[in-house]
PDB file of all heavy atoms in Angstrom:
ATOM      1  N   ARG A   1       0.844  -1.211   0.005  1.00  0.00           N
ATOM      2  CA  ARG A   1      -0.009  -0.008   0.003  1.00  0.00           C
ATOM      3  C   ARG A   1       0.859   1.265  -0.013  1.00  0.00           C
ATOM      4  O   ARG A   1       1.999   1.241   0.446  1.00  0.00           O
ATOM      5  CB  ARG A   1      -0.933  -0.009   1.198  1.00  0.00           C
ATOM      6  CG  ARG A   1      -0.274   0.138   2.553  1.00  0.00           C
ATOM      7  CD  ARG A   1      -1.302  -0.195   3.665  1.00  0.00           C
ATOM      8  NE  ARG A   1      -2.444   0.672   3.660  1.00  0.00           N
ATOM      9  CZ  ARG A   1      -3.662   0.379   4.213  1.00  0.00           C
ATOM     10  NH1 ARG A   1      -3.838  -0.781   4.803  1.00  0.00           N
ATOM     11  NH2 ARG A   1      -4.639   1.292   4.166  1.00  0.00           N
ATOM     12  N   ASP A   2       0.258   2.277  -0.546  1.00  0.00           N
ATOM     13  CA  ASP A   2       0.876   3.623  -0.502  1.00  0.00           C
ATOM     14  C   ASP A   2      -0.172   4.555   0.006  1.00  0.00           C
ATOM     15  O   ASP A   2      -1.022   5.040  -0.687  1.00  0.00           O
ATOM     16  CB  ASP A   2       1.372   4.019  -1.912  1.00  0.00           C
ATOM     17  CG  ASP A   2       2.107   5.343  -1.921  1.00  0.00           C
ATOM     18  OD1 ASP A   2       2.057   6.115  -0.921  1.00  0.00           O
ATOM     19  OD2 ASP A   2       2.850   5.604  -2.898  1.00  0.00           O
ATOM     20  N   ASN A   3      -0.141   4.768   1.353  1.00  0.00           N
ATOM     21  CA  ASN A   3      -1.182   5.575   1.950  1.00  0.00           C
ATOM     22  C   ASN A   3      -1.162   7.019   1.473  1.00  0.00           C
ATOM     23  O   ASN A   3      -2.207   7.687   1.526  1.00  0.00           O
ATOM     24  CB  ASN A   3      -1.017   5.495   3.495  1.00  0.00           C
ATOM     25  CG  ASN A   3      -1.452   4.160   4.035  1.00  0.00           C
ATOM     26  OD1 ASN A   3      -2.172   3.370   3.424  1.00  0.00           O
ATOM     27  ND2 ASN A   3      -0.968   3.856   5.257  1.00  0.00           N
ATOM     28  N   ALA A   4      -0.018   7.492   1.100  1.00  0.00           N
ATOM     29  CA  ALA A   4       0.053   8.881   0.546  1.00  0.00           C
ATOM     30  C   ALA A   4      -0.759   9.042  -0.718  1.00  0.00           C
ATOM     31  O   ALA A   4      -1.336  10.072  -0.992  1.00  0.00           O
ATOM     32  CB  ALA A   4       1.447   9.275   0.335  1.00  0.00           C
ATOM     33  N   LYS A   5      -0.887   7.917  -1.446  1.00  0.00           N
ATOM     34  CA  LYS A   5      -1.712   7.883  -2.663  1.00  0.00           C
ATOM     35  C   LYS A   5      -3.099   7.322  -2.458  1.00  0.00           C
ATOM     36  O   LYS A   5      -3.856   7.142  -3.383  1.00  0.00           O
ATOM     37  CB  LYS A   5      -0.978   7.084  -3.770  1.00  0.00           C
ATOM     38  CG  LYS A   5       0.320   7.704  -4.193  1.00  0.00           C
ATOM     39  CD  LYS A   5       0.976   6.849  -5.295  1.00  0.00           C
ATOM     40  CE  LYS A   5       2.266   7.518  -5.751  1.00  0.00           C
ATOM     41  NZ  LYS A   5       2.943   6.709  -6.814  1.00  0.00           N
ATOM     42  N   ASN A   6      -3.384   6.921  -1.177  1.00  0.00           N
ATOM     43  CA  ASN A   6      -4.643   6.321  -0.861  1.00  0.00           C
ATOM     44  C   ASN A   6      -4.980   5.112  -1.727  1.00  0.00           C
ATOM     45  O   ASN A   6      -6.069   4.861  -2.200  1.00  0.00           O
ATOM     46  CB  ASN A   6      -5.824   7.362  -1.015  1.00  0.00           C
ATOM     47  CG  ASN A   6      -6.632   7.502   0.227  1.00  0.00           C
ATOM     48  OD1 ASN A   6      -6.193   7.251   1.348  1.00  0.00           O
ATOM     49  ND2 ASN A   6      -7.885   7.913   0.055  1.00  0.00           N
ATOM     50  N   THR A   7      -3.927   4.264  -1.870  1.00  0.00           N
ATOM     51  CA  THR A   7      -4.049   3.115  -2.790  1.00  0.00           C
ATOM     52  C   THR A   7      -3.408   1.867  -2.192  1.00  0.00           C
ATOM     53  O   THR A   7      -2.354   1.949  -1.547  1.00  0.00           O
ATOM     54  CB  THR A   7      -3.337   3.467  -4.138  1.00  0.00           C
ATOM     55  OG1 THR A   7      -3.964   4.643  -4.686  1.00  0.00           O
ATOM     56  CG2 THR A   7      -3.506   2.308  -5.091  1.00  0.00           C
ATOM     57  N   VAL A   8      -4.065   0.766  -2.471  1.00  0.00           N
ATOM     58  CA  VAL A   8      -3.526  -0.546  -2.134  1.00  0.00           C
ATOM     59  C   VAL A   8      -3.307  -1.322  -3.393  1.00  0.00           C
ATOM     60  O   VAL A   8      -4.063  -1.196  -4.332  1.00  0.00           O
ATOM     61  CB  VAL A   8      -4.494  -1.305  -1.179  1.00  0.00           C
ATOM     62  CG1 VAL A   8      -4.002  -2.766  -0.984  1.00  0.00           C
ATOM     63  CG2 VAL A   8      -4.504  -0.613   0.215  1.00  0.00           C
ATOM     64  N   TYR A   9      -2.222  -2.120  -3.428  1.00  0.00           N
ATOM     65  CA  TYR A   9      -1.903  -2.906  -4.627  1.00  0.00           C
ATOM     66  C   TYR A   9      -1.864  -4.363  -4.309  1.00  0.00           C
ATOM     67  O   TYR A   9      -1.663  -4.807  -3.232  1.00  0.00           O
ATOM     68  CB  TYR A   9      -0.503  -2.448  -5.137  1.00  0.00           C
ATOM     69  CG  TYR A   9      -0.387  -1.012  -5.409  1.00  0.00           C
ATOM     70  CD1 TYR A   9       0.167  -0.158  -4.426  1.00  0.00           C
ATOM     71  CD2 TYR A   9      -0.788  -0.423  -6.603  1.00  0.00           C
ATOM     72  CE1 TYR A   9       0.325   1.183  -4.674  1.00  0.00           C
ATOM     73  CE2 TYR A   9      -0.664   0.926  -6.812  1.00  0.00           C
ATOM     74  CZ  TYR A   9      -0.120   1.730  -5.877  1.00  0.00           C
ATOM     75  OH  TYR A   9       0.007   3.091  -6.079  1.00  0.00           O
ATOM     76  N   LEU A  10      -2.086  -5.143  -5.399  1.00  0.00           N
ATOM     77  CA  LEU A  10      -1.913  -6.606  -5.331  1.00  0.00           C
ATOM     78  C   LEU A  10      -1.087  -6.988  -6.545  1.00  0.00           C
ATOM     79  O   LEU A  10      -1.564  -6.995  -7.712  1.00  0.00           O
ATOM     80  CB  LEU A  10      -3.232  -7.315  -5.348  1.00  0.00           C
ATOM     81  CG  LEU A  10      -3.145  -8.848  -5.136  1.00  0.00           C
ATOM     82  CD1 LEU A  10      -2.614  -9.178  -3.751  1.00  0.00           C
ATOM     83  CD2 LEU A  10      -4.505  -9.485  -5.365  1.00  0.00           C
ATOM     84  N   GLN A  11       0.159  -7.310  -6.353  1.00  0.00           N
ATOM     85  CA  GLN A  11       1.065  -7.798  -7.393  1.00  0.00           C
ATOM     86  C   GLN A  11       0.843  -9.294  -7.545  1.00  0.00           C
ATOM     87  O   GLN A  11       1.015 -10.061  -6.549  1.00  0.00           O
ATOM     88  CB  GLN A  11       2.469  -7.495  -7.111  1.00  0.00           C
ATOM     89  CG  GLN A  11       3.469  -7.999  -8.105  1.00  0.00           C
ATOM     90  CD  GLN A  11       3.349  -7.332  -9.469  1.00  0.00           C
ATOM     91  OE1 GLN A  11       3.252  -6.086  -9.540  1.00  0.00           O
ATOM     92  NE2 GLN A  11       3.319  -8.092 -10.562  1.00  0.00           N
ATOM     93  N   MET A  12       0.478  -9.789  -8.726  1.00  0.00           N
ATOM     94  CA  MET A  12       0.167 -11.173  -8.943  1.00  0.00           C
ATOM     95  C   MET A  12       1.143 -11.673  -9.970  1.00  0.00           C
ATOM     96  O   MET A  12       1.178 -11.247 -11.150  1.00  0.00           O
ATOM     97  CB  MET A  12      -1.259 -11.333  -9.446  1.00  0.00           C
ATOM     98  CG  MET A  12      -2.341 -10.722  -8.527  1.00  0.00           C
ATOM     99  SD  MET A  12      -3.990 -11.071  -9.049  1.00  0.00           S
ATOM    100  CE  MET A  12      -4.027 -10.249 -10.611  1.00  0.00           C
ATOM    101  N   ASN A  13       1.953 -12.652  -9.522  1.00  0.00           N
ATOM    102  CA  ASN A  13       2.951 -13.266 -10.411  1.00  0.00           C
ATOM    103  C   ASN A  13       2.657 -14.763 -10.544  1.00  0.00           C
ATOM    104  O   ASN A  13       1.891 -15.342  -9.773  1.00  0.00           O
ATOM    105  CB  ASN A  13       4.389 -13.094  -9.803  1.00  0.00           C
ATOM    106  CG  ASN A  13       4.765 -11.669  -9.698  1.00  0.00           C
ATOM    107  OD1 ASN A  13       4.415 -10.827 -10.519  1.00  0.00           O
ATOM    108  ND2 ASN A  13       5.590 -11.340  -8.683  1.00  0.00           N
ATOM    109  N   SER A  14       3.276 -15.340 -11.581  1.00  0.00           N
ATOM    110  CA  SER A  14       3.074 -16.772 -11.809  1.00  0.00           C
ATOM    111  C   SER A  14       1.627 -17.140 -11.847  1.00  0.00           C
ATOM    112  O   SER A  14       1.205 -18.160 -11.211  1.00  0.00           O
ATOM    113  CB  SER A  14       3.860 -17.605 -10.779  1.00  0.00           C
ATOM    114  OG  SER A  14       5.213 -17.292 -10.789  1.00  0.00           O
ATOM    115  N   LEU A  15       0.844 -16.416 -12.588  1.00  0.00           N
ATOM    116  CA  LEU A  15      -0.588 -16.605 -12.558  1.00  0.00           C
ATOM    117  C   LEU A  15      -0.981 -17.931 -13.166  1.00  0.00           C
ATOM    118  O   LEU A  15      -0.355 -18.416 -14.113  1.00  0.00           O
ATOM    119  CB  LEU A  15      -1.268 -15.455 -13.330  1.00  0.00           C
ATOM    120  CG  LEU A  15      -1.348 -14.212 -12.492  1.00  0.00           C
ATOM    121  CD1 LEU A  15      -1.648 -12.972 -13.420  1.00  0.00           C
ATOM    122  CD2 LEU A  15      -2.451 -14.270 -11.453  1.00  0.00           C
ATOM    123  N   LYS A  16      -1.995 -18.534 -12.632  1.00  0.00           N
ATOM    124  CA  LYS A  16      -2.546 -19.791 -13.001  1.00  0.00           C
ATOM    125  C   LYS A  16      -4.002 -19.662 -13.499  1.00  0.00           C
ATOM    126  O   LYS A  16      -4.653 -18.718 -13.069  1.00  0.00           O
ATOM    127  CB  LYS A  16      -2.491 -20.790 -11.874  1.00  0.00           C
ATOM    128  CG  LYS A  16      -1.110 -21.009 -11.238  1.00  0.00           C
ATOM    129  CD  LYS A  16      -1.221 -21.921 -10.020  1.00  0.00           C
ATOM    130  CE  LYS A  16       0.131 -22.084  -9.358  1.00  0.00           C
ATOM    131  NZ  LYS A  16       0.006 -22.950  -8.187  1.00  0.00           N
ATOM    132  N   PRO A  17      -4.488 -20.546 -14.313  1.00  0.00           N
ATOM    133  CA  PRO A  17      -5.888 -20.475 -14.740  1.00  0.00           C
ATOM    134  C   PRO A  17      -6.836 -20.433 -13.567  1.00  0.00           C
ATOM    135  O   PRO A  17      -7.863 -19.749 -13.655  1.00  0.00           O
ATOM    136  CB  PRO A  17      -6.089 -21.733 -15.600  1.00  0.00           C
ATOM    137  CG  PRO A  17      -4.696 -21.983 -16.161  1.00  0.00           C
ATOM    138  CD  PRO A  17      -3.748 -21.576 -15.072  1.00  0.00           C
ATOM    139  N   GLU A  18      -6.510 -21.079 -12.447  1.00  0.00           N
ATOM    140  CA  GLU A  18      -7.339 -21.081 -11.270  1.00  0.00           C
ATOM    141  C   GLU A  18      -7.403 -19.745 -10.597  1.00  0.00           C
ATOM    142  O   GLU A  18      -8.287 -19.551  -9.745  1.00  0.00           O
ATOM    143  CB  GLU A  18      -6.841 -22.107 -10.318  1.00  0.00           C
ATOM    144  CG  GLU A  18      -5.478 -21.872  -9.713  1.00  0.00           C
ATOM    145  CD  GLU A  18      -4.843 -23.105  -9.105  1.00  0.00           C
ATOM    146  OE1 GLU A  18      -4.542 -24.095  -9.818  1.00  0.00           O
ATOM    147  OE2 GLU A  18      -4.621 -23.089  -7.870  1.00  0.00           O
ATOM    148  N   ASP A  19      -6.561 -18.825 -10.966  1.00  0.00           N
ATOM    149  CA  ASP A  19      -6.645 -17.471 -10.444  1.00  0.00           C
ATOM    150  C   ASP A  19      -7.682 -16.633 -11.158  1.00  0.00           C
ATOM    151  O   ASP A  19      -7.965 -15.489 -10.767  1.00  0.00           O
ATOM    152  CB  ASP A  19      -5.305 -16.779 -10.577  1.00  0.00           C
ATOM    153  CG  ASP A  19      -4.208 -17.400  -9.729  1.00  0.00           C
ATOM    154  OD1 ASP A  19      -4.484 -17.767  -8.552  1.00  0.00           O
ATOM    155  OD2 ASP A  19      -3.102 -17.545 -10.251  1.00  0.00           O
ATOM    156  N   THR A  20      -8.247 -17.161 -12.222  1.00  0.00           N
ATOM    157  CA  THR A  20      -9.296 -16.423 -12.974  1.00  0.00           C
ATOM    158  C   THR A  20     -10.472 -16.125 -12.054  1.00  0.00           C
ATOM    159  O   THR A  20     -11.076 -17.032 -11.494  1.00  0.00           O
ATOM    160  CB  THR A  20      -9.740 -17.196 -14.164  1.00  0.00           C
ATOM    161  OG1 THR A  20      -8.670 -17.378 -15.098  1.00  0.00           O
ATOM    162  CG2 THR A  20     -10.872 -16.478 -14.891  1.00  0.00           C
ATOM    163  N   ALA A  21     -10.816 -14.842 -11.963  1.00  0.00           N
ATOM    164  CA  ALA A  21     -11.867 -14.404 -11.048  1.00  0.00           C
ATOM    165  C   ALA A  21     -12.091 -12.905 -11.167  1.00  0.00           C
ATOM    166  O   ALA A  21     -11.278 -12.238 -11.827  1.00  0.00           O
ATOM    167  CB  ALA A  21     -11.592 -14.780  -9.605  1.00  0.00           C
ATOM    168  N   VAL A  22     -13.164 -12.445 -10.601  1.00  0.00           N
ATOM    169  CA  VAL A  22     -13.269 -11.003 -10.372  1.00  0.00           C
ATOM    170  C   VAL A  22     -12.643 -10.705  -9.027  1.00  0.00           C
ATOM    171  O   VAL A  22     -12.956 -11.302  -8.001  1.00  0.00           O
ATOM    172  CB  VAL A  22     -14.718 -10.535 -10.402  1.00  0.00           C
ATOM    173  CG1 VAL A  22     -14.851  -9.056 -10.151  1.00  0.00           C
ATOM    174  CG2 VAL A  22     -15.377 -10.866 -11.744  1.00  0.00           C
ATOM    175  N   TYR A  23     -11.774  -9.741  -9.027  1.00  0.00           N
ATOM    176  CA  TYR A  23     -11.031  -9.355  -7.816  1.00  0.00           C
ATOM    177  C   TYR A  23     -11.594  -8.066  -7.256  1.00  0.00           C
ATOM    178  O   TYR A  23     -11.781  -7.062  -7.959  1.00  0.00           O
ATOM    179  CB  TYR A  23      -9.538  -9.189  -8.099  1.00  0.00           C
ATOM    180  CG  TYR A  23      -8.811 -10.501  -8.281  1.00  0.00           C
ATOM    181  CD1 TYR A  23      -9.022 -11.289  -9.378  1.00  0.00           C
ATOM    182  CD2 TYR A  23      -7.944 -10.987  -7.288  1.00  0.00           C
ATOM    183  CE1 TYR A  23      -8.379 -12.521  -9.512  1.00  0.00           C
ATOM    184  CE2 TYR A  23      -7.300 -12.184  -7.406  1.00  0.00           C
ATOM    185  CZ  TYR A  23      -7.517 -12.935  -8.534  1.00  0.00           C
ATOM    186  OH  TYR A  23      -6.850 -14.184  -8.640  1.00  0.00           O
ATOM    187  N   TYR A  24     -11.840  -8.065  -5.961  1.00  0.00           N
ATOM    188  CA  TYR A  24     -12.434  -6.982  -5.242  1.00  0.00           C
ATOM    189  C   TYR A  24     -11.517  -6.565  -4.121  1.00  0.00           C
ATOM    190  O   TYR A  24     -10.882  -7.382  -3.444  1.00  0.00           O
ATOM    191  CB  TYR A  24     -13.773  -7.316  -4.632  1.00  0.00           C
ATOM    192  CG  TYR A  24     -14.801  -7.776  -5.642  1.00  0.00           C
ATOM    193  CD1 TYR A  24     -14.926  -9.113  -5.960  1.00  0.00           C
ATOM    194  CD2 TYR A  24     -15.719  -6.897  -6.205  1.00  0.00           C
ATOM    195  CE1 TYR A  24     -15.881  -9.579  -6.830  1.00  0.00           C
ATOM    196  CE2 TYR A  24     -16.697  -7.334  -7.064  1.00  0.00           C
ATOM    197  CZ  TYR A  24     -16.758  -8.654  -7.382  1.00  0.00           C
ATOM    198  OH  TYR A  24     -17.726  -9.112  -8.292  1.00  0.00           O
ATOM    199  N   CYS A  25     -11.467  -5.254  -3.827  1.00  0.00           N
ATOM    200  CA  CYS A  25     -10.868  -4.819  -2.564  1.00  0.00           C
ATOM    201  C   CYS A  25     -11.963  -4.332  -1.632  1.00  0.00           C
ATOM    202  O   CYS A  25     -13.028  -3.947  -2.083  1.00  0.00           O
ATOM    203  CB  CYS A  25      -9.790  -3.745  -2.802  1.00  0.00           C
ATOM    204  SG  CYS A  25     -10.427  -2.201  -3.463  1.00  0.00           S
ATOM    205  N   SER A  26     -11.668  -4.410  -0.357  1.00  0.00           N
ATOM    206  CA  SER A  26     -12.723  -4.059   0.636  1.00  0.00           C
ATOM    207  C   SER A  26     -12.092  -3.444   1.844  1.00  0.00           C
ATOM    208  O   SER A  26     -11.006  -3.818   2.281  1.00  0.00           O
ATOM    209  CB  SER A  26     -13.509  -5.320   0.957  1.00  0.00           C
ATOM    210  OG  SER A  26     -14.599  -4.997   1.810  1.00  0.00           O
ATOM    211  N   ALA A  27     -12.862  -2.539   2.436  1.00  0.00           N
ATOM    212  CA  ALA A  27     -12.490  -1.884   3.717  1.00  0.00           C
ATOM    213  C   ALA A  27     -13.475  -2.272   4.774  1.00  0.00           C
ATOM    214  O   ALA A  27     -14.667  -2.444   4.502  1.00  0.00           O
ATOM    215  CB  ALA A  27     -12.431  -0.406   3.561  1.00  0.00           C
ATOM    216  N   PRO A  28     -13.045  -2.365   6.035  1.00  0.00           N
ATOM    217  CA  PRO A  28     -13.969  -2.731   7.080  1.00  0.00           C
ATOM    218  C   PRO A  28     -14.844  -1.566   7.528  1.00  0.00           C
ATOM    219  O   PRO A  28     -14.612  -0.438   7.158  1.00  0.00           O
ATOM    220  CB  PRO A  28     -12.960  -3.130   8.243  1.00  0.00           C
ATOM    221  CG  PRO A  28     -11.799  -2.305   8.026  1.00  0.00           C
ATOM    222  CD  PRO A  28     -11.688  -2.182   6.525  1.00  0.00           C
ATOM    223  N   ARG A  29     -15.831  -1.839   8.349  1.00  0.00           N
ATOM    224  CA  ARG A  29     -16.818  -0.918   8.766  1.00  0.00           C
ATOM    225  C   ARG A  29     -16.285   0.045   9.856  1.00  0.00           C
ATOM    226  O   ARG A  29     -16.885   1.075  10.085  1.00  0.00           O
ATOM    227  CB  ARG A  29     -18.038  -1.585   9.291  1.00  0.00           C
ATOM    228  CG  ARG A  29     -17.815  -2.391  10.599  1.00  0.00           C
ATOM    229  CD  ARG A  29     -19.047  -3.165  10.966  1.00  0.00           C
ATOM    230  NE  ARG A  29     -18.911  -3.901  12.210  1.00  0.00           N
ATOM    231  CZ  ARG A  29     -19.681  -4.859  12.636  1.00  0.00           C
ATOM    232  NH1 ARG A  29     -20.679  -5.231  11.854  1.00  0.00           N
ATOM    233  NH2 ARG A  29     -19.440  -5.417  13.790  1.00  0.00           N
ATOM    234  N   GLN A  30     -15.128  -0.274  10.438  1.00  0.00           N
ATOM    235  CA  GLN A  30     -14.554   0.613  11.411  1.00  0.00           C
ATOM    236  C   GLN A  30     -13.043   0.636  11.219  1.00  0.00           C
ATOM    237  O   GLN A  30     -12.439  -0.309  10.704  1.00  0.00           O
ATOM    238  CB  GLN A  30     -14.927   0.237  12.830  1.00  0.00           C
ATOM    239  CG  GLN A  30     -14.419  -1.129  13.278  1.00  0.00           C
ATOM    240  CD  GLN A  30     -14.974  -1.523  14.586  1.00  0.00           C
ATOM    241  OE1 GLN A  30     -16.113  -1.226  14.945  1.00  0.00           O
ATOM    242  NE2 GLN A  30     -14.150  -2.238  15.401  1.00  0.00           N
ATOM    243  N   LEU A  31     -12.445   1.705  11.727  1.00  0.00           N
ATOM    244  CA  LEU A  31     -11.010   1.822  11.613  1.00  0.00           C
ATOM    245  C   LEU A  31     -10.326   0.753  12.403  1.00  0.00           C
ATOM    246  O   LEU A  31     -10.867   0.264  13.453  1.00  0.00           O
ATOM    247  CB  LEU A  31     -10.513   3.210  12.021  1.00  0.00           C
ATOM    248  CG  LEU A  31     -10.858   3.700  13.414  1.00  0.00           C
ATOM    249  CD1 LEU A  31      -9.792   3.226  14.427  1.00  0.00           C
ATOM    250  CD2 LEU A  31     -10.930   5.231  13.445  1.00  0.00           C
ATOM    251  N   GLY A  32      -9.115   0.455  12.051  1.00  0.00           N
ATOM    252  CA  GLY A  32      -8.363  -0.596  12.752  1.00  0.00           C
ATOM    253  C   GLY A  32      -6.953  -0.641  12.200  1.00  0.00           C
ATOM    254  O   GLY A  32      -6.590   0.004  11.246  1.00  0.00           O
ATOM    255  N   THR A  33      -6.188  -1.481  12.888  1.00  0.00           N
ATOM    256  CA  THR A  33      -4.774  -1.681  12.459  1.00  0.00           C
ATOM    257  C   THR A  33      -4.670  -2.985  11.683  1.00  0.00           C
ATOM    258  O   THR A  33      -4.507  -2.984  10.450  1.00  0.00           O
ATOM    259  CB  THR A  33      -3.856  -1.609  13.648  1.00  0.00           C
ATOM    260  OG1 THR A  33      -4.301  -2.548  14.632  1.00  0.00           O
ATOM    261  CG2 THR A  33      -3.840  -0.232  14.258  1.00  0.00           C
ATOM    262  N   GLY A  34      -4.693  -4.087  12.369  1.00  0.00           N
ATOM    263  CA  GLY A  34      -4.594  -5.373  11.738  1.00  0.00           C
ATOM    264  C   GLY A  34      -5.864  -5.801  11.086  1.00  0.00           C
ATOM    265  O   GLY A  34      -6.945  -5.206  11.299  1.00  0.00           O
ATOM    266  N   CYS A  35      -5.752  -6.795  10.208  1.00  0.00           N
ATOM    267  CA  CYS A  35      -6.903  -7.290   9.445  1.00  0.00           C
ATOM    268  C   CYS A  35      -7.868  -8.030  10.411  1.00  0.00           C
ATOM    269  O   CYS A  35      -7.491  -8.713  11.364  1.00  0.00           O
ATOM    270  CB  CYS A  35      -6.440  -8.250   8.374  1.00  0.00           C
ATOM    271  SG  CYS A  35      -5.465  -7.456   7.080  1.00  0.00           S
ATOM    272  N   TYR A  36      -9.162  -7.851  10.160  1.00  0.00           N
ATOM    273  CA  TYR A  36     -10.140  -8.529  10.908  1.00  0.00           C
ATOM    274  C   TYR A  36     -10.345  -9.993  10.366  1.00  0.00           C
ATOM    275  O   TYR A  36     -10.274 -10.268   9.208  1.00  0.00           O
ATOM    276  CB  TYR A  36     -11.486  -7.820  10.786  1.00  0.00           C
ATOM    277  CG  TYR A  36     -11.494  -6.431  11.388  1.00  0.00           C
ATOM    278  CD1 TYR A  36     -11.292  -5.335  10.599  1.00  0.00           C
ATOM    279  CD2 TYR A  36     -11.657  -6.253  12.744  1.00  0.00           C
ATOM    280  CE1 TYR A  36     -11.286  -4.067  11.125  1.00  0.00           C
ATOM    281  CE2 TYR A  36     -11.608  -4.974  13.313  1.00  0.00           C
ATOM    282  CZ  TYR A  36     -11.397  -3.875  12.499  1.00  0.00           C
ATOM    283  OH  TYR A  36     -11.421  -2.617  13.058  1.00  0.00           O
ATOM    284  N   SER A  37     -10.526 -10.898  11.301  1.00  0.00           N
ATOM    285  CA  SER A  37     -10.660 -12.268  10.954  1.00  0.00           C
ATOM    286  C   SER A  37     -11.971 -12.613  10.329  1.00  0.00           C
ATOM    287  O   SER A  37     -12.072 -13.580   9.532  1.00  0.00           O
ATOM    288  CB  SER A  37     -10.377 -13.196  12.189  1.00  0.00           C
ATOM    289  OG  SER A  37     -11.362 -12.898  13.180  1.00  0.00           O
ATOM    290  N   SER A  38     -12.995 -11.815  10.627  1.00  0.00           N
ATOM    291  CA  SER A  38     -14.320 -12.076  10.111  1.00  0.00           C
ATOM    292  C   SER A  38     -14.544 -11.296   8.871  1.00  0.00           C
ATOM    293  O   SER A  38     -14.384 -10.035   8.803  1.00  0.00           O
ATOM    294  CB  SER A  38     -15.394 -11.650  11.149  1.00  0.00           C
ATOM    295  OG  SER A  38     -16.681 -11.779  10.576  1.00  0.00           O
ATOM    296  N   ASP A  39     -14.978 -12.006   7.779  1.00  0.00           N
ATOM    297  CA  ASP A  39     -15.261 -11.317   6.498  1.00  0.00           C
ATOM    298  C   ASP A  39     -16.424 -10.361   6.671  1.00  0.00           C
ATOM    299  O   ASP A  39     -16.538  -9.403   5.851  1.00  0.00           O
ATOM    300  CB  ASP A  39     -15.569 -12.369   5.451  1.00  0.00           C
ATOM    301  CG  ASP A  39     -14.375 -13.107   4.986  1.00  0.00           C
ATOM    302  OD1 ASP A  39     -13.227 -12.750   5.361  1.00  0.00           O
ATOM    303  OD2 ASP A  39     -14.506 -14.083   4.234  1.00  0.00           O
ATOM    304  N   ALA A  40     -17.283 -10.578   7.616  1.00  0.00           N
ATOM    305  CA  ALA A  40     -18.429  -9.699   7.836  1.00  0.00           C
ATOM    306  C   ALA A  40     -18.055  -8.332   8.153  1.00  0.00           C
ATOM    307  O   ALA A  40     -18.842  -7.385   8.034  1.00  0.00           O
ATOM    308  CB  ALA A  40     -19.384 -10.285   8.872  1.00  0.00           C
ATOM    309  N   MET A  41     -16.809  -8.077   8.647  1.00  0.00           N
ATOM    310  CA  MET A  41     -16.387  -6.740   8.993  1.00  0.00           C
ATOM    311  C   MET A  41     -16.135  -5.880   7.763  1.00  0.00           C
ATOM    312  O   MET A  41     -16.104  -4.673   7.847  1.00  0.00           O
ATOM    313  CB  MET A  41     -15.134  -6.835   9.828  1.00  0.00           C
ATOM    314  CG  MET A  41     -15.284  -7.366  11.209  1.00  0.00           C
ATOM    315  SD  MET A  41     -16.318  -6.267  12.270  1.00  0.00           S
ATOM    316  CE  MET A  41     -15.289  -4.811  12.390  1.00  0.00           C
ATOM    317  N   TYR A  42     -15.964  -6.493   6.621  1.00  0.00           N
ATOM    318  CA  TYR A  42     -15.614  -5.774   5.384  1.00  0.00           C
ATOM    319  C   TYR A  42     -16.905  -5.437   4.672  1.00  0.00           C
ATOM    320  O   TYR A  42     -17.571  -6.328   4.061  1.00  0.00           O
ATOM    321  CB  TYR A  42     -14.657  -6.634   4.545  1.00  0.00           C
ATOM    322  CG  TYR A  42     -13.302  -6.697   5.180  1.00  0.00           C
ATOM    323  CD1 TYR A  42     -13.072  -7.714   6.133  1.00  0.00           C
ATOM    324  CD2 TYR A  42     -12.307  -5.818   4.937  1.00  0.00           C
ATOM    325  CE1 TYR A  42     -11.875  -7.815   6.794  1.00  0.00           C
ATOM    326  CE2 TYR A  42     -11.099  -5.887   5.600  1.00  0.00           C
ATOM    327  CZ  TYR A  42     -10.861  -6.883   6.543  1.00  0.00           C
ATOM    328  OH  TYR A  42      -9.638  -6.946   7.156  1.00  0.00           O
ATOM    329  N   VAL A  43     -17.279  -4.169   4.675  1.00  0.00           N
ATOM    330  CA  VAL A  43     -18.527  -3.718   4.145  1.00  0.00           C
ATOM    331  C   VAL A  43     -18.449  -2.712   3.020  1.00  0.00           C
ATOM    332  O   VAL A  43     -19.457  -2.470   2.355  1.00  0.00           O
ATOM    333  CB  VAL A  43     -19.369  -3.092   5.269  1.00  0.00           C
ATOM    334  CG1 VAL A  43     -19.647  -4.122   6.374  1.00  0.00           C
ATOM    335  CG2 VAL A  43     -18.671  -1.882   5.893  1.00  0.00           C
ATOM    336  N   TYR A  44     -17.270  -2.154   2.788  1.00  0.00           N
ATOM    337  CA  TYR A  44     -17.078  -1.256   1.653  1.00  0.00           C
ATOM    338  C   TYR A  44     -16.369  -2.004   0.553  1.00  0.00           C
ATOM    339  O   TYR A  44     -15.314  -2.569   0.773  1.00  0.00           O
ATOM    340  CB  TYR A  44     -16.280  -0.052   2.077  1.00  0.00           C
ATOM    341  CG  TYR A  44     -17.012   0.792   3.146  1.00  0.00           C
ATOM    342  CD1 TYR A  44     -16.602   0.770   4.464  1.00  0.00           C
ATOM    343  CD2 TYR A  44     -18.049   1.601   2.782  1.00  0.00           C
ATOM    344  CE1 TYR A  44     -17.278   1.489   5.420  1.00  0.00           C
ATOM    345  CE2 TYR A  44     -18.728   2.325   3.758  1.00  0.00           C
ATOM    346  CZ  TYR A  44     -18.362   2.279   5.083  1.00  0.00           C
ATOM    347  OH  TYR A  44     -19.014   3.010   6.021  1.00  0.00           O
TER     348      TYR A  44
END
């Protein structure tokens, strides 16, 4: 991530056919530091 640019990146190398998908990024419903273990926290 580059917080100065308000952007997160995902570099994907050695891609496989099984990686085919729609990729989404998501933010949780409240501020925090570490990632939340529950997917339900990610609402944006």
